[in-house]
Amino acid sequence: MENNFTFPIDLVYLWVDGSDPKWIAKKNVALTAMGKSVHNSAINSGRFQDNDELKFSLRSVQKYLPWINHIYI
C-alpha cells in the first residue's frame, strides 16, 4: 500500500490491564460512587484474561502499517 499522506500519522491504543488489582479497586470505587451495580458475568476474571491481543495488534501494525509515526499505549 502506498502512503500518500503528507503528514505524520500516530496510533493510540486505549488499553488497561484488567487483572491489575489497583485498577480493579479504582474501578469498583468509581462504580460504587456512581451507584452502579454490575452483573457478576461482567466482572468475571475470564473476561479480563490476557490473550496477547496487544502483542498481536502491535505485530500487525509493524507488518502492515510501517508508515505509522508513533504508537502510544
PDB file of N, CA and C in Angstrom:
ATOM      1  N   MET A   1       0.847  -1.181   0.000  1.00  0.00           N
ATOM      2  CA  MET A   1       0.000   0.000   0.000  1.00  0.00           C
ATOM      3  C   MET A   1       0.888   1.239   0.000  1.00  0.00           C
ATOM      4  N   GLU A   2       0.581   2.130  -0.878  1.00  0.00           N
ATOM      5  CA  GLU A   2       1.361   3.352  -0.992  1.00  0.00           C
ATOM      6  C   GLU A   2       0.861   4.393   0.001  1.00  0.00           C
ATOM      7  N   ASN A   3       1.788   5.054   0.647  1.00  0.00           N
ATOM      8  CA  ASN A   3       1.453   6.092   1.619  1.00  0.00           C
ATOM      9  C   ASN A   3       1.395   7.435   0.894  1.00  0.00           C
ATOM     10  N   ASN A   4       0.193   7.997   0.795  1.00  0.00           N
ATOM     11  CA  ASN A   4       0.014   9.291   0.130  1.00  0.00           C
ATOM     12  C   ASN A   4      -0.177  10.427   1.120  1.00  0.00           C
ATOM     13  N   PHE A   5       0.081  10.182   2.388  1.00  0.00           N
ATOM     14  CA  PHE A   5      -0.104  11.203   3.407  1.00  0.00           C
ATOM     15  C   PHE A   5       1.054  12.184   3.384  1.00  0.00           C
ATOM     16  N   THR A   6       0.735  13.442   3.624  1.00  0.00           N
ATOM     17  CA  THR A   6       1.775  14.464   3.670  1.00  0.00           C
ATOM     18  C   THR A   6       2.048  14.904   5.098  1.00  0.00           C
ATOM     19  N   PHE A   7       1.486  14.164   6.055  1.00  0.00           N
ATOM     20  CA  PHE A   7       1.656  14.496   7.465  1.00  0.00           C
ATOM     21  C   PHE A   7       1.836  13.188   8.239  1.00  0.00           C
ATOM     22  N   PRO A   8       2.489  13.231   9.402  1.00  0.00           N
ATOM     23  CA  PRO A   8       2.721  12.005  10.176  1.00  0.00           C
ATOM     24  C   PRO A   8       1.419  11.486  10.798  1.00  0.00           C
ATOM     25  N   ILE A   9       1.282  10.176  10.853  1.00  0.00           N
ATOM     26  CA  ILE A   9       0.122   9.512  11.446  1.00  0.00           C
ATOM     27  C   ILE A   9       0.583   8.773  12.700  1.00  0.00           C
ATOM     28  N   ASP A  10      -0.063   9.048  13.823  1.00  0.00           N
ATOM     29  CA  ASP A  10       0.213   8.350  15.076  1.00  0.00           C
ATOM     30  C   ASP A  10      -0.918   7.372  15.368  1.00  0.00           C
ATOM     31  N   LEU A  11      -0.630   6.375  16.168  1.00  0.00           N
ATOM     32  CA  LEU A  11      -1.615   5.372  16.563  1.00  0.00           C
ATOM     33  C   LEU A  11      -1.713   5.366  18.087  1.00  0.00           C
ATOM     34  N   VAL A  12      -2.943   5.393  18.608  1.00  0.00           N
ATOM     35  CA  VAL A  12      -3.162   5.422  20.049  1.00  0.00           C
ATOM     36  C   VAL A  12      -3.981   4.201  20.441  1.00  0.00           C
ATOM     37  N   TYR A  13      -3.455   3.412  21.375  1.00  0.00           N
ATOM     38  CA  TYR A  13      -4.183   2.274  21.943  1.00  0.00           C
ATOM     39  C   TYR A  13      -4.741   2.685  23.297  1.00  0.00           C
ATOM     40  N   LEU A  14      -6.023   2.470  23.486  1.00  0.00           N
ATOM     41  CA  LEU A  14      -6.636   2.669  24.790  1.00  0.00           C
ATOM     42  C   LEU A  14      -6.710   1.285  25.419  1.00  0.00           C
ATOM     43  N   TRP A  15      -5.794   1.001  26.326  1.00  0.00           N
ATOM     44  CA  TRP A  15      -5.642  -0.344  26.869  1.00  0.00           C
ATOM     45  C   TRP A  15      -5.433  -0.267  28.364  1.00  0.00           C
ATOM     46  N   VAL A  16      -6.009  -1.230  29.065  1.00  0.00           N
ATOM     47  CA  VAL A  16      -5.806  -1.331  30.503  1.00  0.00           C
ATOM     48  C   VAL A  16      -5.633  -2.808  30.854  1.00  0.00           C
ATOM     49  N   ASP A  17      -4.801  -3.073  31.826  1.00  0.00           N
ATOM     50  CA  ASP A  17      -4.616  -4.439  32.315  1.00  0.00           C
ATOM     51  C   ASP A  17      -5.780  -4.747  33.250  1.00  0.00           C
ATOM     52  N   GLY A  18      -6.765  -5.470  32.765  1.00  0.00           N
ATOM     53  CA  GLY A  18      -7.967  -5.772  33.528  1.00  0.00           C
ATOM     54  C   GLY A  18      -7.745  -6.654  34.738  1.00  0.00           C
ATOM     55  N   SER A  19      -6.566  -7.221  34.871  1.00  0.00           N
ATOM     56  CA  SER A  19      -6.282  -8.071  36.036  1.00  0.00           C
ATOM     57  C   SER A  19      -5.465  -7.330  37.097  1.00  0.00           C
ATOM     58  N   ASP A  20      -5.144  -6.065  36.856  1.00  0.00           N
ATOM     59  CA  ASP A  20      -4.359  -5.266  37.794  1.00  0.00           C
ATOM     60  C   ASP A  20      -5.207  -4.944  39.028  1.00  0.00           C
ATOM     61  N   PRO A  21      -4.780  -5.402  40.215  1.00  0.00           N
ATOM     62  CA  PRO A  21      -5.569  -5.178  41.434  1.00  0.00           C
ATOM     63  C   PRO A  21      -5.823  -3.698  41.729  1.00  0.00           C
ATOM     64  N   LYS A  22      -4.859  -2.834  41.435  1.00  0.00           N
ATOM     65  CA  LYS A  22      -5.052  -1.397  41.670  1.00  0.00           C
ATOM     66  C   LYS A  22      -6.150  -0.844  40.763  1.00  0.00           C
ATOM     67  N   TRP A  23      -6.131  -1.261  39.489  1.00  0.00           N
ATOM     68  CA  TRP A  23      -7.150  -0.801  38.557  1.00  0.00           C
ATOM     69  C   TRP A  23      -8.529  -1.326  38.968  1.00  0.00           C
ATOM     70  N   ILE A  24      -8.604  -2.582  39.374  1.00  0.00           N
ATOM     71  CA  ILE A  24      -9.872  -3.178  39.805  1.00  0.00           C
ATOM     72  C   ILE A  24     -10.439  -2.410  40.992  1.00  0.00           C
ATOM     73  N   ALA A  25      -9.584  -2.081  41.955  1.00  0.00           N
ATOM     74  CA  ALA A  25     -10.034  -1.330  43.135  1.00  0.00           C
ATOM     75  C   ALA A  25     -10.568   0.040  42.722  1.00  0.00           C
ATOM     76  N   LYS A  26      -9.856   0.751  41.860  1.00  0.00           N
ATOM     77  CA  LYS A  26     -10.311   2.062  41.388  1.00  0.00           C
ATOM     78  C   LYS A  26     -11.638   1.948  40.651  1.00  0.00           C
ATOM     79  N   LYS A  27     -11.749   0.928  39.813  1.00  0.00           N
ATOM     80  CA  LYS A  27     -12.980   0.723  39.050  1.00  0.00           C
ATOM     81  C   LYS A  27     -14.156   0.480  39.989  1.00  0.00           C
ATOM     82  N   ASN A  28     -13.954  -0.360  41.008  1.00  0.00           N
ATOM     83  CA  ASN A  28     -15.024  -0.673  41.947  1.00  0.00           C
ATOM     84  C   ASN A  28     -15.435   0.551  42.763  1.00  0.00           C
ATOM     85  N   VAL A  29     -14.456   1.371  43.169  1.00  0.00           N
ATOM     86  CA  VAL A  29     -14.764   2.603  43.905  1.00  0.00           C
ATOM     87  C   VAL A  29     -15.594   3.536  43.022  1.00  0.00           C
ATOM     88  N   ALA A  30     -15.201   3.681  41.759  1.00  0.00           N
ATOM     89  CA  ALA A  30     -15.924   4.562  40.845  1.00  0.00           C
ATOM     90  C   ALA A  30     -17.344   4.062  40.607  1.00  0.00           C
ATOM     91  N   LEU A  31     -17.503   2.762  40.416  1.00  0.00           N
ATOM     92  CA  LEU A  31     -18.847   2.211  40.204  1.00  0.00           C
ATOM     93  C   LEU A  31     -19.727   2.412  41.430  1.00  0.00           C
ATOM     94  N   THR A  32     -19.152   2.193  42.595  1.00  0.00           N
ATOM     95  CA  THR A  32     -19.910   2.380  43.834  1.00  0.00           C
ATOM     96  C   THR A  32     -20.306   3.843  43.999  1.00  0.00           C
ATOM     97  N   ALA A  33     -19.388   4.748  43.704  1.00  0.00           N
ATOM     98  CA  ALA A  33     -19.673   6.181  43.831  1.00  0.00           C
ATOM     99  C   ALA A  33     -20.785   6.621  42.890  1.00  0.00           C
ATOM    100  N   MET A  34     -20.892   5.959  41.758  1.00  0.00           N
ATOM    101  CA  MET A  34     -21.940   6.293  40.793  1.00  0.00           C
ATOM    102  C   MET A  34     -23.240   5.536  41.081  1.00  0.00           C
ATOM    103  N   GLY A  35     -23.201   4.680  42.105  1.00  0.00           N
ATOM    104  CA  GLY A  35     -24.379   3.904  42.432  1.00  0.00           C
ATOM    105  C   GLY A  35     -24.695   2.832  41.402  1.00  0.00           C
ATOM    106  N   LYS A  36     -23.695   2.381  40.694  1.00  0.00           N
ATOM    107  CA  LYS A  36     -23.878   1.378  39.641  1.00  0.00           C
ATOM    108  C   LYS A  36     -23.684  -0.020  40.203  1.00  0.00           C
ATOM    109  N   SER A  37     -24.527  -0.913  39.755  1.00  0.00           N
ATOM    110  CA  SER A  37     -24.321  -2.315  40.095  1.00  0.00           C
ATOM    111  C   SER A  37     -23.917  -3.033  38.809  1.00  0.00           C
ATOM    112  N   VAL A  38     -23.061  -4.000  38.948  1.00  0.00           N
ATOM    113  CA  VAL A  38     -22.536  -4.709  37.792  1.00  0.00           C
ATOM    114  C   VAL A  38     -22.865  -6.188  37.943  1.00  0.00           C
ATOM    115  N   HIS A  39     -23.351  -6.771  36.871  1.00  0.00           N
ATOM    116  CA  HIS A  39     -23.665  -8.195  36.881  1.00  0.00           C
ATOM    117  C   HIS A  39     -22.370  -8.991  37.028  1.00  0.00           C
ATOM    118  N   ASN A  40     -22.421 -10.094  37.782  1.00  0.00           N
ATOM    119  CA  ASN A  40     -21.215 -10.907  38.035  1.00  0.00           C
ATOM    120  C   ASN A  40     -20.518 -11.351  36.753  1.00  0.00           C
ATOM    121  N   SER A  41     -21.266 -11.630  35.696  1.00  0.00           N
ATOM    122  CA  SER A  41     -20.623 -12.069  34.455  1.00  0.00           C
ATOM    123  C   SER A  41     -19.783 -10.958  33.828  1.00  0.00           C
ATOM    124  N   ALA A  42     -20.094  -9.708  34.168  1.00  0.00           N
ATOM    125  CA  ALA A  42     -19.341  -8.585  33.618  1.00  0.00           C
ATOM    126  C   ALA A  42     -18.010  -8.386  34.322  1.00  0.00           C
ATOM    127  N   ILE A  43     -17.848  -8.945  35.505  1.00  0.00           N
ATOM    128  CA  ILE A  43     -16.592  -8.776  36.243  1.00  0.00           C
ATOM    129  C   ILE A  43     -15.870 -10.101  36.451  1.00  0.00           C
ATOM    130  N   ASN A  44     -16.321 -11.135  35.757  1.00  0.00           N
ATOM    131  CA  ASN A  44     -15.685 -12.445  35.822  1.00  0.00           C
ATOM    132  C   ASN A  44     -14.237 -12.329  35.350  1.00  0.00           C
ATOM    133  N   SER A  45     -13.321 -12.973  36.059  1.00  0.00           N
ATOM    134  CA  SER A  45     -11.893 -12.854  35.726  1.00  0.00           C
ATOM    135  C   SER A  45     -11.587 -13.343  34.312  1.00  0.00           C
ATOM    136  N   GLY A  46     -12.358 -14.271  33.790  1.00  0.00           N
ATOM    137  CA  GLY A  46     -12.140 -14.759  32.433  1.00  0.00           C
ATOM    138  C   GLY A  46     -12.337 -13.680  31.387  1.00  0.00           C
ATOM    139  N   ARG A  47     -13.128 -12.691  31.725  1.00  0.00           N
ATOM    140  CA  ARG A  47     -13.379 -11.580  30.815  1.00  0.00           C
ATOM    141  C   ARG A  47     -12.140 -10.711  30.622  1.00  0.00           C
ATOM    142  N   PHE A  48     -11.258 -10.718  31.591  1.00  0.00           N
ATOM    143  CA  PHE A  48     -10.064  -9.882  31.549  1.00  0.00           C
ATOM    144  C   PHE A  48      -8.799 -10.703  31.302  1.00  0.00           C
ATOM    145  N   GLN A  49      -8.966 -11.905  30.817  1.00  0.00           N
ATOM    146  CA  GLN A  49      -7.832 -12.785  30.538  1.00  0.00           C
ATOM    147  C   GLN A  49      -6.977 -12.200  29.419  1.00  0.00           C
ATOM    148  N   ASP A  50      -5.680 -12.213  29.604  1.00  0.00           N
ATOM    149  CA  ASP A  50      -4.747 -11.705  28.599  1.00  0.00           C
ATOM    150  C   ASP A  50      -4.494 -12.782  27.558  1.00  0.00           C
ATOM    151  N   ASN A  51      -4.921 -12.523  26.329  1.00  0.00           N
ATOM    152  CA  ASN A  51      -4.680 -13.449  25.215  1.00  0.00           C
ATOM    153  C   ASN A  51      -3.667 -12.871  24.234  1.00  0.00           C
ATOM    154  N   ASP A  52      -2.836 -11.984  24.717  1.00  0.00           N
ATOM    155  CA  ASP A  52      -1.794 -11.339  23.905  1.00  0.00           C
ATOM    156  C   ASP A  52      -2.363 -10.521  22.746  1.00  0.00           C
ATOM    157  N   GLU A  53      -3.576  -9.985  22.918  1.00  0.00           N
ATOM    158  CA  GLU A  53      -4.168  -9.170  21.865  1.00  0.00           C
ATOM    159  C   GLU A  53      -3.298  -7.962  21.529  1.00  0.00           C
ATOM    160  N   LEU A  54      -2.757  -7.335  22.555  1.00  0.00           N
ATOM    161  CA  LEU A  54      -1.923  -6.160  22.323  1.00  0.00           C
ATOM    162  C   LEU A  54      -0.675  -6.535  21.522  1.00  0.00           C
ATOM    163  N   LYS A  55      -0.046  -7.622  21.885  1.00  0.00           N
ATOM    164  CA  LYS A  55       1.159  -8.072  21.173  1.00  0.00           C
ATOM    165  C   LYS A  55       0.854  -8.338  19.701  1.00  0.00           C
ATOM    166  N   PHE A  56      -0.231  -9.061  19.436  1.00  0.00           N
ATOM    167  CA  PHE A  56      -0.567  -9.394  18.052  1.00  0.00           C
ATOM    168  C   PHE A  56      -0.974  -8.156  17.253  1.00  0.00           C
ATOM    169  N   SER A  57      -1.648  -7.224  17.905  1.00  0.00           N
ATOM    170  CA  SER A  57      -2.019  -5.987  17.227  1.00  0.00           C
ATOM    171  C   SER A  57      -0.780  -5.178  16.865  1.00  0.00           C
ATOM    172  N   LEU A  58       0.165  -5.080  17.799  1.00  0.00           N
ATOM    173  CA  LEU A  58       1.398  -4.348  17.521  1.00  0.00           C
ATOM    174  C   LEU A  58       2.205  -5.007  16.401  1.00  0.00           C
ATOM    175  N   ARG A  59       2.221  -6.321  16.381  1.00  0.00           N
ATOM    176  CA  ARG A  59       2.911  -7.023  15.287  1.00  0.00           C
ATOM    177  C   ARG A  59       2.249  -6.737  13.949  1.00  0.00           C
ATOM    178  N   SER A  60       0.933  -6.667  13.942  1.00  0.00           N
ATOM    179  CA  SER A  60       0.205  -6.362  12.704  1.00  0.00           C
ATOM    180  C   SER A  60       0.511  -4.949  12.230  1.00  0.00           C
ATOM    181  N   VAL A  61       0.579  -4.026  13.162  1.00  0.00           N
ATOM    182  CA  VAL A  61       0.933  -2.648  12.798  1.00  0.00           C
ATOM    183  C   VAL A  61       2.329  -2.624  12.189  1.00  0.00           C
ATOM    184  N   GLN A  62       3.246  -3.313  12.811  1.00  0.00           N
ATOM    185  CA  GLN A  62       4.625  -3.346  12.306  1.00  0.00           C
ATOM    186  C   GLN A  62       4.669  -3.924  10.886  1.00  0.00           C
ATOM    187  N   LYS A  63       3.877  -4.950  10.646  1.00  0.00           N
ATOM    188  CA  LYS A  63       3.914  -5.626   9.353  1.00  0.00           C
ATOM    189  C   LYS A  63       3.131  -4.870   8.272  1.00  0.00           C
ATOM    190  N   TYR A  64       1.942  -4.377   8.611  1.00  0.00           N
ATOM    191  CA  TYR A  64       1.051  -3.825   7.600  1.00  0.00           C
ATOM    192  C   TYR A  64       0.964  -2.298   7.571  1.00  0.00           C
ATOM    193  N   LEU A  65       1.428  -1.648   8.627  1.00  0.00           N
ATOM    194  CA  LEU A  65       1.353  -0.190   8.695  1.00  0.00           C
ATOM    195  C   LEU A  65       2.711   0.414   9.058  1.00  0.00           C
ATOM    196  N   PRO A  66       3.742   0.131   8.296  1.00  0.00           N
ATOM    197  CA  PRO A  66       5.082   0.609   8.655  1.00  0.00           C
ATOM    198  C   PRO A  66       5.215   2.128   8.615  1.00  0.00           C
ATOM    199  N   TRP A  67       4.248   2.815   8.011  1.00  0.00           N
ATOM    200  CA  TRP A  67       4.293   4.266   7.912  1.00  0.00           C
ATOM    201  C   TRP A  67       3.776   4.969   9.159  1.00  0.00           C
ATOM    202  N   ILE A  68       3.309   4.212  10.147  1.00  0.00           N
ATOM    203  CA  ILE A  68       2.855   4.828  11.403  1.00  0.00           C
ATOM    204  C   ILE A  68       4.042   5.537  12.061  1.00  0.00           C
ATOM    205  N   ASN A  69       3.835   6.760  12.496  1.00  0.00           N
ATOM    206  CA  ASN A  69       4.898   7.587  13.072  1.00  0.00           C
ATOM    207  C   ASN A  69       5.229   7.172  14.493  1.00  0.00           C
ATOM    208  N   HIS A  70       4.252   7.307  15.409  1.00  0.00           N
ATOM    209  CA  HIS A  70       4.445   6.930  16.808  1.00  0.00           C
ATOM    210  C   HIS A  70       3.270   6.064  17.258  1.00  0.00           C
ATOM    211  N   ILE A  71       3.536   5.189  18.211  1.00  0.00           N
ATOM    212  CA  ILE A  71       2.483   4.379  18.829  1.00  0.00           C
ATOM    213  C   ILE A  71       2.448   4.730  20.308  1.00  0.00           C
ATOM    214  N   TYR A  72       1.262   5.082  20.780  1.00  0.00           N
ATOM    215  CA  TYR A  72       1.061   5.423  22.180  1.00  0.00           C
ATOM    216  C   TYR A  72       0.129   4.399  22.802  1.00  0.00           C
ATOM    217  N   ILE A  73       0.573   3.855  23.941  1.00  0.00           N
ATOM    218  CA  ILE A  73      -0.239   2.857  24.659  1.00  0.00           C
ATOM    219  C   ILE A  73      -0.603   3.429  26.006  1.00  0.00           C
TER     220      ILE A  73
END
